[in-house]
């Protein structure tokens, strides 16, 4: 279970960094940064949702 908690924290950090990357991309008018940040953020959000679903299903009796 500790590995899953660490993985969840890692996903949260990456998603936060992607949001900062998207913000800076808009600020600097570098839309390729926005696209890359949105894509990578979307991948990690999907992985986080799968992890949450896996943890919920393992806790049910």
Protein backbone atom coordinates (compact mmCIF):
# COMPACT_ATOMS: atom_id res chain seq x y z
CA UNK A 1 0.00 0.00 0.00
CA UNK A 2 2.93 2.34 0.66
CA UNK A 3 4.02 2.06 -2.96
CA UNK A 4 0.58 3.14 -4.12
CA UNK A 5 0.61 6.16 -1.81
CA UNK A 6 4.03 7.16 -3.12
CA UNK A 7 2.83 6.68 -6.69
CA UNK A 8 -0.21 8.85 -5.98
CA UNK A 9 2.01 11.62 -4.58
CA UNK A 10 4.25 11.35 -7.64
CA UNK A 11 1.24 11.65 -9.96
CA UNK A 12 0.02 14.72 -8.05
CA UNK A 13 3.41 16.41 -8.38
CA UNK A 14 3.60 15.69 -12.11
CA UNK A 15 0.05 16.97 -12.69
CA UNK A 16 0.86 20.16 -10.76
CA UNK A 17 4.04 20.68 -12.79
CA UNK A 18 2.08 20.18 -16.01
CA UNK A 19 -0.37 22.87 -14.91
CA UNK A 20 2.54 25.25 -14.27
CA UNK A 21 4.01 24.31 -17.65
CA UNK A 22 0.70 25.10 -19.36
CA UNK A 23 0.44 28.43 -17.54
CA UNK A 24 3.97 29.44 -18.51
CA UNK A 25 3.32 28.35 -22.09
CA UNK A 26 0.35 30.70 -22.31
CA UNK A 27 2.31 33.47 -20.65
CA UNK A 28 5.18 33.16 -23.15
CA UNK A 29 2.87 32.43 -26.12
CA UNK A 30 4.62 29.06 -26.64
CA UNK A 31 1.66 26.91 -27.54
CA UNK A 32 3.75 23.80 -28.13
CA UNK A 33 4.49 23.89 -24.40
CA UNK A 34 0.77 24.14 -23.71
CA UNK A 35 0.06 21.17 -25.97
CA UNK A 36 2.83 19.07 -24.40
CA UNK A 37 1.74 19.97 -20.87
CA UNK A 38 -1.89 19.15 -21.65
CA UNK A 39 -0.98 15.80 -23.21
CA UNK A 40 1.34 14.71 -20.41
CA UNK A 41 -1.08 15.99 -17.78
CA UNK A 42 -3.90 14.03 -19.42
CA UNK A 43 -1.84 10.84 -19.39
CA UNK A 44 -1.03 11.22 -15.70
CA UNK A 45 -4.63 12.10 -14.80
CA UNK A 46 -5.71 8.89 -16.54
CA UNK A 47 -3.08 6.88 -14.64
CA UNK A 48 -4.17 8.50 -11.36
CA UNK A 49 -7.82 7.59 -11.98
CA UNK A 50 -6.83 3.99 -12.71
CA UNK A 51 -4.79 3.91 -9.49
CA UNK A 52 -7.72 5.27 -7.46
CA UNK A 53 -10.06 2.69 -8.99
CA UNK A 54 -7.57 -0.10 -8.22
CA UNK A 55 -7.20 1.02 -4.58
CA UNK A 56 -10.97 1.24 -4.11
CA UNK A 57 -11.54 -2.23 -5.57
CA UNK A 58 -8.81 -3.77 -3.37
CA UNK A 59 -10.40 -2.33 -0.21
CA UNK A 60 -13.81 -3.89 -0.78
CA UNK A 61 -14.36 -7.12 1.19
